[in-house]
Amino acid sequence: MIYGPPGSGKTSLAVRIAARAKGTALWISTSENEEFFRKLLDRLNVAYDKFKFLHFPRAFHEEIARYVLDHLEEHGILVIDSINGIASPNADIADFFHSTFYQAAQEVPVMAIAETPSRRLQYVVDHVVKVWHRINSMGHVIRYAQLVKSRKRPPSARYIFDIVQGVGIVYIKPVGRAIAESAERIRDERLGVETFRGAEVGVFSDSEGKIAEKIQPFLDDENAYLLVFSTFNASRRLKVPPERVVAVSTFNDLMKFYADVILGKVKPRYVVATGLVPLENLREGDSLEYLTALGVISGYTELTIVADVVDLKKIKSNYIYQAMSENVVVPGEKGET
């Protein structure tokens, strides 16, 4: 079972899982029509012929169960969207689901989609995936998924994911920061610090000019990309061709760039990100998901730089400063260090 509030991405996640099953997927919808489903498949880059889509109005719940049981063996997986629509209004959904589909599930996997499942329903099914989303201080929608119950494995950590047009589900697997003690460290004379391949380095100053002096040499490389995260950023004095500037107007913009890097469509030597510290200052912790994505991207680069104009007296207490592999604090306009 996959459950979560409207708009969280649970149907998209179910599509991607069902598309991996052997044979066709029998998709029973009690809410969305075929036109909506086709558009969703197009966005997820999934072929329509992988599915047999049937839309049953909720009033025909008895016919739904009968049809499914008669034709289930013809397919590789059954998906019910949503579970609340296949039982009569007075029925106990957990009892109905278990009594109707338990035996069938021994032969063909059954996946149910729900918004607010009861605890009894969660107990009945073998695996439960929770999907949810939040809107951060920038108005960006960030989606999460987590295996919260399984009869075969422990619950998982939280995954960050999004739906990228033409690519499908793009997710960030939760991994801890692990830097080998034996990693070769190289002194970068442009920054004046020792780094290693894939490091994340913070460059902070209270002067836009000082920041530009430090990071423009990296952006002059034809394989360097500038990611701009908010209107309060240090990009005004930077010279970068438009095709190498990524305006992160939504979290989806970052995930699209992330997908391009992972798939090899973009091969950055350097990535410079600006506008993250102001985002963190709006609401503590709001930069976490962006830094998580950058952390994975940095593994495909020689160096990732986070550069922002800051209050030098407060920067060391900022989460972004603390998350960097190394930091460069440039003497500011008032001679501070």
Protein backbone atom coordinates (compact mmCIF):
# COMPACT_ATOMS: atom_id res chain seq x y z
CA MET A 1 0.00 0.00 0.00
CA ILE A 2 1.10 3.52 -0.83
CA TYR A 3 -0.61 6.27 1.09
CA GLY A 4 -0.40 10.03 1.44
CA PRO A 5 -2.29 13.29 0.99
CA PRO A 6 -3.49 14.60 -2.41
CA GLY A 7 -0.66 15.97 -4.55
CA SER A 8 2.10 14.13 -2.70
CA GLY A 9 3.03 11.95 -5.68
CA LYS A 10 1.72 8.57 -4.52
CA THR A 11 0.02 7.77 -7.85
CA SER A 12 3.21 8.59 -9.76
CA LEU A 13 5.22 6.35 -7.47
CA ALA A 14 2.70 3.56 -7.95
CA VAL A 15 2.96 3.91 -11.74
CA ARG A 16 6.74 3.52 -11.68
CA ILE A 17 6.53 0.45 -9.46
CA ALA A 18 3.78 -1.15 -11.55
CA ALA A 19 5.73 -0.51 -14.77
CA ARG A 20 8.52 -2.77 -13.49
CA ALA A 21 6.22 -5.77 -13.04
CA LYS A 22 6.29 -8.69 -15.46
CA GLY A 23 3.40 -8.51 -17.89
CA THR A 24 0.78 -5.78 -18.03
CA ALA A 25 -0.54 -3.91 -15.02
CA LEU A 26 -4.28 -3.92 -14.39
CA TRP A 27 -5.01 -0.40 -13.14
CA ILE A 28 -8.41 0.12 -11.52
CA SER A 29 -9.25 3.78 -10.94
CA THR A 30 -12.24 5.00 -8.98
CA SER A 31 -11.35 8.67 -9.34
CA GLU A 32 -9.23 9.75 -12.32
CA ASN A 33 -10.20 9.21 -15.97
CA GLU A 34 -8.13 7.75 -18.80
CA GLU A 35 -7.08 11.15 -20.21
CA PHE A 36 -5.51 12.11 -16.88
CA PHE A 37 -3.78 8.73 -16.67
CA ARG A 38 -2.30 9.04 -20.17
CA LYS A 39 -0.89 12.49 -19.35
CA LEU A 40 0.63 11.11 -16.16
CA LEU A 41 2.32 8.26 -18.04
CA ASP A 42 3.72 10.73 -20.56
CA ARG A 43 5.18 12.85 -17.79
CA LEU A 44 6.71 9.76 -16.18
CA ASN A 45 8.08 8.46 -19.51
CA VAL A 46 6.13 5.19 -19.19
CA ALA A 47 4.52 3.39 -22.15
CA TYR A 48 0.72 3.21 -22.08
CA ASP A 49 0.67 -0.34 -23.48
CA LYS A 50 2.22 -1.51 -20.21
CA PHE A 51 -1.16 -0.87 -18.55
CA LYS A 52 -4.77 -1.89 -18.89
CA PHE A 53 -6.61 1.10 -17.45
CA LEU A 54 -10.21 0.82 -16.28
CA HIS A 55 -12.23 3.59 -14.69
CA PHE A 56 -15.03 2.43 -12.43
CA PRO A 57 -17.28 5.02 -10.75
CA ARG A 58 -17.42 4.37 -7.02
CA ALA A 59 -21.07 3.41 -7.24
CA PHE A 60 -20.07 0.21 -9.02
CA HIS A 61 -17.87 -1.14 -6.24
CA GLU A 62 -19.35 -4.64 -6.46
CA GLU A 63 -18.61 -4.85 -10.19
CA ILE A 64 -15.04 -3.74 -9.56
CA ALA A 65 -14.26 -6.63 -7.23
CA ARG A 66 -15.97 -9.14 -9.52
CA TYR A 67 -14.11 -7.95 -12.61
CA VAL A 68 -10.76 -7.94 -10.87
CA LEU A 69 -11.09 -11.48 -9.56
CA ASP A 70 -12.20 -12.75 -12.98
CA HIS A 71 -9.32 -11.17 -14.92
CA LEU A 72 -6.43 -10.84 -12.45
CA GLU A 73 -4.50 -13.87 -13.72
CA GLU A 74 -4.17 -12.17 -17.13
CA HIS A 75 -1.89 -9.49 -15.66
CA GLY A 76 1.40 -9.10 -13.81
CA ILE A 77 0.17 -6.75 -11.09
CA LEU A 78 -3.06 -5.18 -9.85
CA VAL A 79 -3.23 -1.52 -8.79
CA ILE A 80 -6.30 -0.10 -7.06
CA ASP A 81 -6.57 3.71 -7.00
CA SER A 82 -8.01 4.25 -4.51
CA ILE A 83 -8.77 1.49 -2.04
CA ASN A 84 -11.57 3.59 -0.52
CA GLY A 85 -13.51 3.43 -3.78
CA ILE A 86 -13.90 -0.32 -4.14
CA ALA A 87 -15.82 -1.08 -0.93
CA SER A 88 -19.37 -0.10 -0.02
CA PRO A 89 -19.68 2.95 2.24
CA ASN A 90 -20.62 0.82 5.26
CA ALA A 91 -17.97 -1.85 4.79
CA ASP A 92 -14.81 -2.20 6.86
CA ILE A 93 -12.16 -1.53 4.20
CA ALA A 94 -9.50 -3.61 5.94
CA ASP A 95 -11.79 -6.65 6.18
CA PHE A 96 -13.02 -6.18 2.61
CA PHE A 97 -9.52 -5.80 1.20
CA HIS A 98 -8.15 -8.80 3.09
CA SER A 99 -11.05 -11.13 2.34
CA THR A 100 -11.24 -10.13 -1.35
CA PHE A 101 -7.59 -9.89 -2.39
CA TYR A 102 -5.51 -11.91 0.09
CA GLN A 103 -5.72 -15.14 -1.89
CA ALA A 104 -5.28 -13.33 -5.21
CA ALA A 105 -2.11 -11.67 -3.91
CA GLN A 106 -0.49 -15.08 -3.51
CA GLU A 107 -0.43 -15.29 -7.32
CA VAL A 108 -0.25 -11.66 -8.48
CA PRO A 109 1.07 -8.64 -6.53
CA VAL A 110 -1.68 -6.26 -5.40
CA MET A 111 -0.94 -2.58 -4.79
CA ALA A 112 -3.44 -0.26 -3.15
CA ILE A 113 -3.35 3.54 -3.09
CA ALA A 114 -4.97 5.38 -0.19
CA GLU A 115 -5.10 8.82 1.38
CA THR A 116 -5.79 8.09 5.06
CA PRO A 117 -5.64 4.33 5.71
CA SER A 118 -6.74 2.89 9.03
CA ARG A 119 -4.25 1.16 11.28
CA ARG A 120 -6.05 -2.11 10.63
CA LEU A 121 -5.54 -1.72 6.90
CA GLN A 122 -1.85 -1.03 7.44
CA TYR A 123 -1.66 -4.18 9.55
CA VAL A 124 -3.34 -6.32 6.87
CA VAL A 125 -1.00 -5.43 3.99
CA ASP A 126 2.56 -6.72 3.69
CA HIS A 127 4.34 -3.47 2.82
CA VAL A 128 3.40 0.15 3.55
CA VAL A 129 4.98 3.17 1.84
CA LYS A 130 4.20 6.63 3.18
CA VAL A 131 4.39 9.55 0.73
CA TRP A 132 4.11 13.18 1.77
CA HIS A 133 5.22 16.68 0.89
CA ARG A 134 5.87 20.06 2.43
CA ILE A 135 6.10 23.63 1.16
CA ASN A 136 9.19 25.49 2.36
CA SER A 137 9.70 29.19 3.00
CA MET A 138 10.38 29.80 -0.71
CA GLY A 139 7.08 28.17 -1.71
CA HIS A 140 8.90 25.14 -3.16
CA VAL A 141 7.18 21.75 -2.94
CA ILE A 142 9.47 19.01 -1.62
CA ARG A 143 8.30 15.38 -1.73
CA TYR A 144 9.31 12.47 0.46
CA ALA A 145 8.74 8.71 0.49
CA GLN A 146 9.49 6.15 3.18
CA LEU A 147 8.94 2.44 3.69
CA VAL A 148 7.30 2.45 7.12
CA LYS A 149 6.40 -1.24 7.32
CA SER A 150 7.49 -4.45 5.63
CA ARG A 151 7.25 -8.13 6.46
CA LYS A 152 10.62 -8.71 4.77
CA ARG A 153 12.89 -5.82 5.76
CA PRO A 154 13.26 -3.02 8.34
CA PRO A 155 11.66 0.39 7.67
CA SER A 156 13.74 2.62 5.41
CA ALA A 157 15.11 6.10 5.86
CA ARG A 158 13.30 9.00 4.21
CA TYR A 159 13.85 9.47 0.46
CA ILE A 160 13.54 12.82 -1.30
CA PHE A 161 11.94 12.51 -4.73
CA ASP A 162 10.28 14.49 -7.49
CA ILE A 163 8.68 13.95 -10.88
CA VAL A 164 10.76 15.27 -13.77
CA GLN A 165 8.97 15.66 -17.10
CA GLY A 166 10.10 13.04 -19.61
CA VAL A 167 12.38 11.33 -17.08
CA GLY A 168 10.03 10.04 -14.42
CA ILE A 169 10.62 9.61 -10.71
CA VAL A 170 13.94 11.09 -9.63
CA TYR A 171 14.96 10.30 -6.07
CA ILE A 172 17.82 10.93 -3.70
CA LYS A 173 18.81 7.87 -1.72
CA PRO A 174 19.53 8.76 1.91
CA VAL A 175 23.22 8.17 2.62
CA GLY A 176 25.44 9.57 5.31
CA ARG A 177 28.38 11.77 4.44
CA ALA A 178 31.32 9.42 4.11
CA ILE A 179 34.70 10.83 3.17
CA ALA A 180 37.59 8.38 3.13
CA GLU A 181 40.46 9.22 5.42
CA SER A 182 42.82 8.26 2.61
CA ALA A 183 41.21 10.58 0.04
CA GLU A 184 43.90 12.46 -1.81
CA ARG A 185 43.89 16.09 -0.73
CA ILE A 186 44.97 18.75 -3.21
CA ARG A 187 45.71 22.34 -2.40
CA ASP A 188 43.66 24.70 -4.56
CA GLU A 189 45.63 27.93 -4.84
CA ARG A 190 42.59 29.82 -6.16
CA LEU A 191 40.77 29.24 -2.88
CA GLY A 192 43.80 28.86 -0.65
CA VAL A 193 42.56 25.62 0.96
CA GLU A 194 43.23 21.90 0.70
CA THR A 195 40.38 20.06 -1.02
CA PHE A 196 39.68 16.71 -2.63
CA ARG A 197 37.73 15.65 -5.69
CA GLY A 198 34.00 16.08 -5.05
CA ALA A 199 34.46 18.40 -2.07
CA GLU A 200 31.93 21.08 -1.15
CA VAL A 201 33.57 24.37 -0.26
CA GLY A 202 31.86 27.43 1.16
CA VAL A 203 33.03 30.88 0.05
CA PHE A 204 31.59 33.67 2.19
CA SER A 205 32.13 37.42 2.41
CA ASP A 206 30.19 40.60 3.11
CA SER A 207 31.36 41.86 -0.30
CA GLU A 208 29.95 40.72 -3.65
CA GLY A 209 33.14 41.88 -5.32
CA LYS A 210 35.34 39.71 -3.10
CA ILE A 211 33.19 36.65 -3.80
CA ALA A 212 33.31 37.32 -7.55
CA GLU A 213 37.11 37.52 -7.42
CA LYS A 214 37.30 34.10 -5.78
CA ILE A 215 34.82 32.11 -7.85
CA GLN A 216 34.84 33.73 -11.31
CA PRO A 217 37.98 31.73 -12.30
CA PHE A 218 35.99 28.52 -11.75
CA LEU A 219 33.00 29.79 -13.73
CA ASP A 220 35.29 30.68 -16.64
CA ASP A 221 35.65 26.93 -17.25
CA GLU A 222 33.38 25.82 -20.10
CA ASN A 223 32.11 22.93 -17.96
CA ALA A 224 31.13 25.06 -14.96
CA TYR A 225 27.51 25.68 -13.96
CA LEU A 226 25.96 28.36 -11.76
CA LEU A 227 22.91 27.44 -9.67
CA VAL A 228 20.91 30.43 -8.38
CA PHE A 229 18.61 29.53 -5.47
CA SER A 230 16.97 32.79 -4.42
CA THR A 231 16.72 36.45 -5.33
CA PHE A 232 19.26 37.29 -2.62
CA ASN A 233 22.39 35.88 -4.25
CA ALA A 234 25.90 36.77 -5.35
CA SER A 235 25.36 36.29 -9.10
CA ARG A 236 25.10 39.95 -10.10
CA ARG A 237 28.84 40.38 -10.65
CA LEU A 238 29.43 36.93 -12.10
CA LYS A 239 29.84 36.39 -15.84
CA VAL A 240 28.35 33.09 -16.99
CA PRO A 241 26.74 32.20 -20.35
CA PRO A 242 22.93 31.79 -19.95
CA GLU A 243 23.07 28.14 -21.02
CA ARG A 244 25.22 27.37 -17.97
CA VAL A 245 22.97 29.16 -15.47
CA VAL A 246 20.27 27.16 -13.66
CA ALA A 247 17.61 29.29 -11.98
CA VAL A 248 16.24 27.15 -9.16
CA SER A 249 12.76 28.70 -9.11
CA THR A 250 11.30 25.44 -7.78
CA PHE A 251 12.78 22.37 -6.15
CA ASN A 252 11.87 20.54 -9.35
CA ASP A 253 14.40 22.73 -11.22
CA LEU A 254 17.17 21.42 -8.98
CA MET A 255 15.98 17.83 -9.37
CA LYS A 256 15.96 18.22 -13.15
CA PHE A 257 19.59 19.38 -13.07
CA TYR A 258 20.35 16.52 -10.65
CA ALA A 259 18.79 14.05 -13.12
CA ASP A 260 20.77 15.52 -16.03
CA VAL A 261 23.99 15.03 -14.07
CA ILE A 262 23.17 11.49 -12.96
CA LEU A 263 22.13 10.49 -16.51
CA GLY A 264 25.25 12.04 -18.04
CA LYS A 265 23.39 14.70 -20.04
CA VAL A 266 25.39 17.35 -18.18
CA LYS A 267 28.98 16.76 -17.10
CA PRO A 268 29.97 19.61 -14.79
CA ARG A 269 33.55 20.09 -13.76
CA TYR A 270 32.56 22.79 -11.28
CA VAL A 271 29.20 23.71 -9.76
CA VAL A 272 28.74 27.05 -8.00
CA ALA A 273 25.58 27.56 -5.93
CA THR A 274 24.46 30.93 -4.59
CA GLY A 275 21.42 32.10 -2.66
CA LEU A 276 21.35 29.22 -0.17
CA VAL A 277 22.35 31.13 2.96
CA PRO A 278 19.44 33.61 2.59
CA LEU A 279 17.12 30.60 2.20
CA GLU A 280 18.45 29.07 5.42
CA ASN A 281 18.04 32.43 7.16
CA LEU A 282 14.33 32.53 6.24
CA ARG A 283 13.63 29.31 8.11
CA GLU A 284 16.22 27.19 9.88
CA GLY A 285 16.64 23.82 8.18
CA ASP A 286 15.07 24.84 4.86
CA SER A 287 18.37 24.37 3.03
CA LEU A 288 18.73 20.71 4.03
CA GLU A 289 17.15 19.13 0.94
CA TYR A 290 19.07 21.45 -1.41
CA LEU A 291 22.36 20.57 0.29
CA THR A 292 21.48 16.87 0.12
CA ALA A 293 21.01 17.12 -3.66
CA LEU A 294 24.19 19.17 -4.03
CA GLY A 295 26.07 16.58 -1.99
CA VAL A 296 25.20 13.89 -4.53
CA ILE A 297 25.92 16.19 -7.50
CA SER A 298 29.32 17.04 -6.01
CA GLY A 299 30.33 13.40 -6.41
CA TYR A 300 30.24 13.99 -10.18
CA THR A 301 32.33 17.17 -10.06
CA GLU A 302 35.86 18.20 -9.22
CA LEU A 303 34.51 20.84 -6.86
CA THR A 304 31.20 22.27 -5.70
CA ILE A 305 31.21 25.80 -4.27
CA VAL A 306 28.51 27.46 -2.18
CA ALA A 307 29.04 31.22 -2.31
CA ASP A 308 27.00 33.93 -0.58
CA VAL A 309 27.17 37.43 0.84
CA VAL A 310 26.75 37.05 4.61
CA ASP A 311 27.12 38.66 8.00
CA LEU A 312 30.63 37.45 8.83
CA LYS A 313 29.94 37.60 12.57
CA LYS A 314 27.12 35.07 12.26
CA ILE A 315 28.19 32.78 9.43
CA LYS A 316 29.93 30.16 11.59
CA SER A 317 26.65 29.36 13.35
CA ASN A 318 24.86 28.85 10.02
CA TYR A 319 24.00 25.24 9.09
CA ILE A 320 25.35 25.67 5.54
CA TYR A 321 28.76 26.76 6.82
CA GLN A 322 28.85 23.75 9.13
CA ALA A 323 27.84 21.35 6.32
CA MET A 324 30.72 22.27 3.98
CA SER A 325 33.87 20.16 3.62
CA GLU A 326 35.95 23.35 3.82
CA ASN A 327 35.16 27.06 4.17
CA VAL A 328 36.81 30.20 2.85
CA VAL A 329 35.84 33.42 4.63
CA VAL A 330 37.11 36.31 2.53
CA PRO A 331 38.16 39.54 4.28
CA GLY A 332 35.23 41.88 3.90
CA GLU A 333 34.76 45.52 3.09
CA LYS A 334 35.36 46.47 6.73
CA GLY A 335 38.49 44.37 6.99
CA GLU A 336 36.77 41.61 8.94
CA THR A 337 37.93 37.98 8.58
